C-alpha cells in the first residue's frame, strides 16, 4: 500500500486528539458514536474525515497529492455517466448509490461499504465524485 494512503504521524496525532476530546467519541471502544468507525484506524487514512468535520483530509497543513490526476478514461466515463444521477446530493436509487461508492473506492483508494447509510461517508463519496466530474467535465 502506498504511503499516500496514510497521513503523516503528526496529522494522525492531531486528528486522534480531536476525536478524544469530542462528545461523540466512545472512549471504551475507541469509536465514533455518529459513524461507528474505529477512530484509531479512520484517523490514519488520508481520504477520511470526521463526520462532524472537526477534522478533514486537508486539515493540519496536510494536503495530499492529487489522486485524481491522469485517471484512466474508462473511470472518467463512468463518473460522467453517474454524476447526473447523484448531483442533487441524493442518488436516484440504491444501485446508483452503490455505483457511486464503488467508483469512489476505486479512484480514491477508499474502503467504504457499498451498503453504508452513514451520511458522512456518503457525503465524502459524493464530494469525491463531484471533484472528478468538475475536473474532467
N, C-alpha and C. Protein backbone atom coordinates (compact mmCIF):
# COMPACT_ATOMS: atom_id res chain seq x y z
N UNK A 1 0.84 -1.19 0.00
CA UNK A 1 0.00 0.00 0.00
C UNK A 1 0.89 1.25 0.00
N UNK A 2 0.47 2.21 -0.74
CA UNK A 2 1.22 3.45 -0.88
C UNK A 2 1.17 4.28 0.41
N UNK A 3 2.24 5.01 0.69
CA UNK A 3 2.26 5.91 1.85
C UNK A 3 1.28 7.05 1.68
N UNK A 4 0.86 7.35 0.44
CA UNK A 4 -0.12 8.40 0.20
C UNK A 4 -1.47 8.04 0.79
N UNK A 5 -1.66 6.77 1.09
CA UNK A 5 -2.91 6.30 1.68
C UNK A 5 -3.03 6.74 3.14
N UNK A 6 -1.91 6.92 3.83
CA UNK A 6 -1.90 7.27 5.24
C UNK A 6 -1.40 8.69 5.45
N UNK A 7 -1.91 9.32 6.50
CA UNK A 7 -1.45 10.66 6.85
C UNK A 7 -0.15 10.56 7.64
N UNK A 8 0.65 11.61 7.65
CA UNK A 8 1.85 11.62 8.48
C UNK A 8 1.48 11.51 9.96
N UNK A 9 2.41 11.05 10.77
CA UNK A 9 2.17 10.83 12.20
C UNK A 9 1.66 12.08 12.91
N UNK A 10 2.21 13.25 12.56
CA UNK A 10 1.78 14.49 13.21
C UNK A 10 0.30 14.77 12.96
N UNK A 11 -0.15 14.49 11.74
CA UNK A 11 -1.55 14.71 11.39
C UNK A 11 -2.43 13.71 12.14
N UNK A 12 -2.00 12.46 12.17
CA UNK A 12 -2.75 11.45 12.90
C UNK A 12 -2.91 11.84 14.37
N UNK A 13 -1.82 12.28 15.00
CA UNK A 13 -1.88 12.65 16.42
C UNK A 13 -2.86 13.79 16.66
N UNK A 14 -2.89 14.75 15.76
CA UNK A 14 -3.83 15.87 15.91
C UNK A 14 -5.27 15.42 15.69
N UNK A 15 -5.46 14.56 14.71
CA UNK A 15 -6.81 14.05 14.46
C UNK A 15 -7.33 13.25 15.65
N UNK A 16 -6.52 12.33 16.15
CA UNK A 16 -6.98 11.46 17.23
C UNK A 16 -7.18 12.26 18.52
N UNK A 17 -6.36 13.29 18.73
CA UNK A 17 -6.56 14.16 19.90
C UNK A 17 -7.91 14.87 19.79
N UNK A 18 -8.25 15.31 18.58
CA UNK A 18 -9.54 15.95 18.35
C UNK A 18 -10.67 14.97 18.66
N UNK A 19 -10.52 13.74 18.20
CA UNK A 19 -11.54 12.71 18.45
C UNK A 19 -11.72 12.48 19.96
N UNK A 20 -10.60 12.33 20.65
CA UNK A 20 -10.67 12.02 22.08
C UNK A 20 -11.29 13.14 22.90
N UNK A 21 -11.27 14.36 22.38
CA UNK A 21 -11.87 15.48 23.09
C UNK A 21 -13.33 15.70 22.69
N UNK A 22 -13.84 14.90 21.77
CA UNK A 22 -15.19 15.08 21.23
C UNK A 22 -16.24 14.36 22.06
N UNK A 23 -17.40 14.97 22.18
CA UNK A 23 -18.51 14.38 22.93
C UNK A 23 -19.04 13.10 22.28
N UNK A 24 -18.77 12.89 21.00
CA UNK A 24 -19.26 11.71 20.29
C UNK A 24 -18.26 10.55 20.28
N UNK A 25 -17.12 10.73 20.93
CA UNK A 25 -16.10 9.68 20.98
C UNK A 25 -16.43 8.72 22.10
N UNK A 26 -16.51 7.46 21.80
CA UNK A 26 -16.79 6.42 22.80
C UNK A 26 -15.43 5.88 23.25
N UNK A 27 -14.94 6.36 24.39
CA UNK A 27 -13.58 6.05 24.82
C UNK A 27 -13.36 4.58 25.13
N UNK A 28 -14.36 3.88 25.59
CA UNK A 28 -14.21 2.47 25.92
C UNK A 28 -13.89 1.64 24.68
N UNK A 29 -14.60 1.92 23.60
CA UNK A 29 -14.41 1.17 22.36
C UNK A 29 -13.47 1.86 21.37
N UNK A 30 -13.31 3.17 21.53
CA UNK A 30 -12.45 3.93 20.62
C UNK A 30 -13.13 4.22 19.29
N UNK A 31 -14.46 4.25 19.30
CA UNK A 31 -15.15 4.55 18.06
C UNK A 31 -16.00 5.80 18.18
N UNK A 32 -16.46 6.26 17.02
CA UNK A 32 -17.30 7.44 16.94
C UNK A 32 -18.76 7.02 17.10
N UNK A 33 -19.49 7.73 17.92
CA UNK A 33 -20.90 7.41 18.14
C UNK A 33 -21.77 7.82 16.96
N UNK A 34 -21.23 8.63 16.05
CA UNK A 34 -22.01 9.06 14.88
C UNK A 34 -21.86 8.07 13.73
N UNK A 35 -20.62 7.84 13.30
CA UNK A 35 -20.40 6.98 12.13
C UNK A 35 -20.11 5.53 12.51
N UNK A 36 -19.72 5.29 13.76
CA UNK A 36 -19.42 3.93 14.20
C UNK A 36 -18.02 3.47 13.88
N UNK A 37 -17.24 4.30 13.21
CA UNK A 37 -15.89 3.91 12.81
C UNK A 37 -14.94 3.86 14.01
N UNK A 38 -13.95 2.99 13.93
CA UNK A 38 -12.90 2.95 14.93
C UNK A 38 -11.90 4.04 14.57
N UNK A 39 -11.82 5.04 15.42
CA UNK A 39 -11.09 6.25 15.07
C UNK A 39 -9.58 6.07 15.00
N UNK A 40 -9.03 5.10 15.70
CA UNK A 40 -7.59 4.87 15.59
C UNK A 40 -7.22 4.40 14.19
N UNK A 41 -8.17 3.85 13.49
CA UNK A 41 -7.95 3.44 12.10
C UNK A 41 -8.32 4.58 11.16
N UNK A 42 -9.52 5.10 11.33
CA UNK A 42 -10.02 6.14 10.42
C UNK A 42 -9.13 7.38 10.41
N UNK A 43 -8.60 7.77 11.56
CA UNK A 43 -7.77 8.97 11.65
C UNK A 43 -6.44 8.81 10.92
N UNK A 44 -6.03 7.60 10.66
CA UNK A 44 -4.77 7.35 9.94
C UNK A 44 -4.91 7.42 8.42
N UNK A 45 -6.13 7.28 7.93
CA UNK A 45 -6.36 7.16 6.49
C UNK A 45 -6.56 8.55 5.87
N UNK A 46 -5.77 8.84 4.87
CA UNK A 46 -5.74 10.19 4.31
C UNK A 46 -7.06 10.65 3.73
N UNK A 47 -7.83 9.77 3.14
CA UNK A 47 -9.06 10.18 2.48
C UNK A 47 -10.27 10.23 3.41
N UNK A 48 -10.07 10.11 4.70
CA UNK A 48 -11.18 10.11 5.65
C UNK A 48 -11.35 11.48 6.29
N UNK A 49 -12.51 11.68 6.87
CA UNK A 49 -12.77 12.91 7.61
C UNK A 49 -13.75 12.61 8.74
N UNK A 50 -13.79 13.48 9.70
CA UNK A 50 -14.71 13.38 10.81
C UNK A 50 -16.13 13.63 10.30
N UNK A 51 -17.12 12.85 10.74
CA UNK A 51 -18.49 13.08 10.27
C UNK A 51 -19.05 14.44 10.69
N UNK A 52 -18.48 15.05 11.71
CA UNK A 52 -18.89 16.40 12.13
C UNK A 52 -17.94 17.47 11.58
N UNK A 53 -16.99 17.04 10.76
CA UNK A 53 -16.00 17.92 10.14
C UNK A 53 -15.12 18.65 11.15
N UNK A 54 -14.86 18.03 12.29
CA UNK A 54 -13.90 18.60 13.23
C UNK A 54 -12.50 18.48 12.65
N UNK A 55 -12.28 17.48 11.82
CA UNK A 55 -11.06 17.39 11.02
C UNK A 55 -11.42 16.80 9.66
N UNK A 56 -10.64 17.23 8.67
CA UNK A 56 -10.84 16.79 7.29
C UNK A 56 -9.51 16.33 6.73
N UNK A 57 -9.55 15.73 5.54
CA UNK A 57 -8.32 15.20 4.98
C UNK A 57 -7.27 16.29 4.74
N UNK A 58 -7.66 17.54 4.62
CA UNK A 58 -6.69 18.59 4.34
C UNK A 58 -6.34 19.43 5.58
N UNK A 59 -6.84 19.04 6.74
CA UNK A 59 -6.56 19.79 7.96
C UNK A 59 -5.10 19.66 8.39
N UNK A 60 -4.70 20.54 9.27
CA UNK A 60 -3.39 20.50 9.93
C UNK A 60 -2.24 20.66 8.94
N UNK A 61 -2.48 21.42 7.88
CA UNK A 61 -1.41 21.69 6.92
C UNK A 61 -1.09 20.53 6.01
N UNK A 62 -1.90 19.50 6.03
CA UNK A 62 -1.66 18.33 5.19
C UNK A 62 -2.47 18.43 3.92
N UNK A 63 -1.82 18.43 2.80
CA UNK A 63 -2.51 18.48 1.53
C UNK A 63 -2.04 17.30 0.70
N UNK A 64 -2.85 16.27 0.64
CA UNK A 64 -2.47 15.05 -0.05
C UNK A 64 -2.29 15.30 -1.53
N UNK A 65 -1.44 14.50 -2.16
CA UNK A 65 -1.24 14.57 -3.60
C UNK A 65 -2.58 14.40 -4.30
N UNK A 66 -2.70 14.99 -5.44
CA UNK A 66 -3.92 14.88 -6.22
C UNK A 66 -4.04 13.47 -6.78
N UNK A 67 -4.89 12.65 -6.15
CA UNK A 67 -5.05 11.27 -6.57
C UNK A 67 -5.86 11.14 -7.86
N UNK A 68 -6.46 12.21 -8.31
CA UNK A 68 -7.32 12.13 -9.48
C UNK A 68 -6.59 12.47 -10.77
N UNK A 69 -5.32 12.81 -10.68
CA UNK A 69 -4.56 13.18 -11.87
C UNK A 69 -4.35 11.96 -12.76
N UNK A 70 -4.56 12.15 -14.04
CA UNK A 70 -4.32 11.10 -15.03
C UNK A 70 -5.15 9.84 -14.79
N UNK A 71 -6.42 10.02 -14.50
CA UNK A 71 -7.31 8.87 -14.35
C UNK A 71 -7.51 8.18 -15.69
N UNK A 72 -7.66 6.86 -15.67
CA UNK A 72 -7.98 6.16 -16.92
C UNK A 72 -9.30 6.66 -17.49
N UNK A 73 -9.40 6.71 -18.79
CA UNK A 73 -10.58 7.25 -19.46
C UNK A 73 -11.85 6.49 -19.09
N UNK A 74 -11.75 5.17 -18.88
CA UNK A 74 -12.96 4.42 -18.55
C UNK A 74 -13.54 4.86 -17.22
N UNK A 75 -12.70 5.23 -16.25
CA UNK A 75 -13.20 5.72 -14.97
C UNK A 75 -13.82 7.10 -15.12
N UNK A 76 -13.19 7.94 -15.92
CA UNK A 76 -13.75 9.27 -16.18
C UNK A 76 -15.13 9.13 -16.84
N UNK A 77 -15.24 8.22 -17.80
CA UNK A 77 -16.51 7.99 -18.47
C UNK A 77 -17.58 7.53 -17.49
N UNK A 78 -17.22 6.64 -16.57
CA UNK A 78 -18.17 6.16 -15.56
C UNK A 78 -18.66 7.30 -14.67
N UNK A 79 -17.73 8.18 -14.27
CA UNK A 79 -18.11 9.33 -13.45
C UNK A 79 -19.06 10.23 -14.23
N UNK A 80 -18.77 10.48 -15.48
CA UNK A 80 -19.61 11.36 -16.30
C UNK A 80 -21.01 10.79 -16.46
N UNK A 81 -21.12 9.46 -16.59
CA UNK A 81 -22.44 8.83 -16.72
C UNK A 81 -23.20 8.84 -15.39
N UNK A 82 -22.48 8.69 -14.29
CA UNK A 82 -23.09 8.59 -12.98
C UNK A 82 -23.52 9.95 -12.41
N UNK A 83 -22.73 10.96 -12.64
CA UNK A 83 -22.93 12.25 -11.98
C UNK A 83 -24.35 12.83 -12.10
N UNK A 84 -24.98 12.81 -13.26
CA UNK A 84 -26.35 13.37 -13.33
C UNK A 84 -27.32 12.71 -12.35
N UNK A 85 -27.07 11.46 -11.98
CA UNK A 85 -27.96 10.75 -11.07
C UNK A 85 -27.65 10.97 -9.59
N UNK A 86 -26.58 11.73 -9.29
CA UNK A 86 -26.22 11.99 -7.89
C UNK A 86 -26.02 13.47 -7.60
N UNK A 87 -26.04 14.30 -8.63
CA UNK A 87 -25.65 15.71 -8.47
C UNK A 87 -26.50 16.49 -7.48
N UNK A 88 -27.72 16.04 -7.21
CA UNK A 88 -28.57 16.74 -6.25
C UNK A 88 -28.17 16.44 -4.81
N UNK A 89 -27.28 15.48 -4.64
CA UNK A 89 -26.88 15.07 -3.30
C UNK A 89 -27.63 13.84 -2.83
N UNK A 90 -28.47 13.34 -3.69
CA UNK A 90 -29.26 12.14 -3.36
C UNK A 90 -29.26 11.23 -4.59
N UNK A 91 -28.78 10.01 -4.41
CA UNK A 91 -28.76 9.05 -5.51
C UNK A 91 -30.18 8.69 -5.92
N UNK A 92 -30.37 8.45 -7.21
CA UNK A 92 -31.73 8.17 -7.69
C UNK A 92 -32.26 6.82 -7.21
N UNK A 93 -31.36 5.88 -6.90
CA UNK A 93 -31.77 4.58 -6.37
C UNK A 93 -30.58 3.90 -5.69
N UNK A 94 -30.82 2.72 -5.13
CA UNK A 94 -29.76 2.02 -4.40
C UNK A 94 -28.61 1.58 -5.31
N UNK A 95 -28.92 1.20 -6.53
CA UNK A 95 -27.88 0.79 -7.47
C UNK A 95 -26.95 1.96 -7.79
N UNK A 96 -27.51 3.14 -7.91
CA UNK A 96 -26.71 4.34 -8.18
C UNK A 96 -25.83 4.68 -6.99
N UNK A 97 -26.39 4.58 -5.79
CA UNK A 97 -25.60 4.83 -4.57
C UNK A 97 -24.43 3.85 -4.49
N UNK A 98 -24.71 2.59 -4.75
CA UNK A 98 -23.67 1.55 -4.71
C UNK A 98 -22.58 1.86 -5.74
N UNK A 99 -22.99 2.24 -6.95
CA UNK A 99 -22.02 2.57 -8.01
C UNK A 99 -21.16 3.76 -7.61
N UNK A 100 -21.77 4.77 -6.99
CA UNK A 100 -21.02 5.94 -6.54
C UNK A 100 -19.94 5.53 -5.54
N UNK A 101 -20.31 4.70 -4.58
CA UNK A 101 -19.35 4.27 -3.55
C UNK A 101 -18.25 3.42 -4.17
N UNK A 102 -18.61 2.51 -5.07
CA UNK A 102 -17.62 1.68 -5.73
C UNK A 102 -16.62 2.53 -6.53
N UNK A 103 -17.13 3.49 -7.28
CA UNK A 103 -16.25 4.37 -8.05
C UNK A 103 -15.33 5.17 -7.13
N UNK A 104 -15.90 5.71 -6.06
CA UNK A 104 -15.09 6.46 -5.11
C UNK A 104 -13.97 5.57 -4.56
N UNK A 105 -14.31 4.35 -4.15
CA UNK A 105 -13.32 3.43 -3.59
C UNK A 105 -12.20 3.14 -4.58
N UNK A 106 -12.54 2.97 -5.84
CA UNK A 106 -11.53 2.68 -6.87
C UNK A 106 -10.63 3.89 -7.09
N UNK A 107 -11.24 5.05 -7.27
CA UNK A 107 -10.48 6.26 -7.63
C UNK A 107 -9.64 6.77 -6.46
N UNK A 108 -10.21 6.78 -5.27
CA UNK A 108 -9.54 7.37 -4.12
C UNK A 108 -8.95 6.34 -3.15
N UNK A 109 -8.90 5.09 -3.59
CA UNK A 109 -8.35 4.03 -2.76
C UNK A 109 -9.10 3.94 -1.42
N UNK A 110 -10.41 4.10 -1.49
CA UNK A 110 -11.24 4.06 -0.30
C UNK A 110 -11.66 2.64 0.06
N UNK A 111 -12.36 2.53 1.14
CA UNK A 111 -12.81 1.22 1.59
C UNK A 111 -14.22 1.31 2.20
N UNK A 112 -15.07 2.13 1.59
CA UNK A 112 -16.42 2.29 2.12
C UNK A 112 -17.26 1.07 1.75
N UNK A 113 -18.10 0.66 2.68
CA UNK A 113 -19.05 -0.42 2.44
C UNK A 113 -20.12 0.11 1.49
N UNK A 114 -20.42 -0.64 0.44
CA UNK A 114 -21.36 -0.16 -0.58
C UNK A 114 -22.80 -0.10 -0.07
N UNK A 115 -23.06 -0.63 1.11
CA UNK A 115 -24.41 -0.55 1.65
C UNK A 115 -24.50 0.44 2.82
N UNK A 116 -23.47 1.27 3.00
CA UNK A 116 -23.47 2.22 4.11
C UNK A 116 -24.60 3.23 3.98
N UNK A 117 -25.10 3.65 5.12
CA UNK A 117 -26.06 4.74 5.18
C UNK A 117 -25.51 5.90 6.00
N UNK A 118 -24.24 5.83 6.34
CA UNK A 118 -23.57 6.89 7.11
C UNK A 118 -23.53 8.15 6.25
N UNK A 119 -24.16 9.22 6.72
CA UNK A 119 -24.23 10.45 5.93
C UNK A 119 -22.84 11.04 5.68
N UNK A 120 -21.94 10.95 6.66
CA UNK A 120 -20.59 11.46 6.47
C UNK A 120 -19.84 10.69 5.40
N UNK A 121 -19.99 9.37 5.41
CA UNK A 121 -19.33 8.53 4.41
C UNK A 121 -19.89 8.80 3.02
N UNK A 122 -21.20 8.87 2.91
CA UNK A 122 -21.83 9.13 1.62
C UNK A 122 -21.48 10.52 1.10
N UNK A 123 -21.39 11.49 2.00
CA UNK A 123 -21.02 12.85 1.60
C UNK A 123 -19.59 12.88 1.06
N UNK A 124 -18.70 12.13 1.69
CA UNK A 124 -17.32 12.06 1.21
C UNK A 124 -17.28 11.48 -0.20
N UNK A 125 -18.03 10.41 -0.41
CA UNK A 125 -18.08 9.79 -1.74
C UNK A 125 -18.65 10.76 -2.78
N UNK A 126 -19.73 11.44 -2.42
CA UNK A 126 -20.34 12.40 -3.33
C UNK A 126 -19.36 13.52 -3.68
N UNK A 127 -18.68 14.05 -2.68
CA UNK A 127 -17.72 15.13 -2.94
C UNK A 127 -16.58 14.66 -3.84
N UNK A 128 -16.12 13.43 -3.62
CA UNK A 128 -15.04 12.89 -4.44
C UNK A 128 -15.45 12.74 -5.89
N UNK A 129 -16.63 12.19 -6.12
CA UNK A 129 -17.13 12.01 -7.48
C UNK A 129 -17.40 13.37 -8.12
N UNK A 130 -17.93 14.31 -7.35
CA UNK A 130 -18.17 15.66 -7.86
C UNK A 130 -16.85 16.31 -8.28
N UNK A 131 -15.81 16.11 -7.48
CA UNK A 131 -14.49 16.67 -7.81
C UNK A 131 -14.01 16.13 -9.16
N UNK A 132 -14.15 14.83 -9.38
CA UNK A 132 -13.74 14.24 -10.64
C UNK A 132 -14.56 14.83 -11.78
N UNK A 133 -15.86 14.90 -11.59
CA UNK A 133 -16.74 15.46 -12.62
C UNK A 133 -16.30 16.88 -12.99
N UNK A 134 -16.07 17.70 -11.99
CA UNK A 134 -15.70 19.09 -12.23
C UNK A 134 -14.32 19.21 -12.90
N UNK A 135 -13.40 18.32 -12.55
CA UNK A 135 -12.06 18.35 -13.16
C UNK A 135 -12.08 17.95 -14.62
N UNK A 136 -12.95 17.03 -14.98
CA UNK A 136 -12.92 16.45 -16.32
C UNK A 136 -14.09 16.85 -17.21
N UNK A 137 -15.06 17.61 -16.68
CA UNK A 137 -16.23 17.99 -17.50
C UNK A 137 -15.84 18.99 -18.56
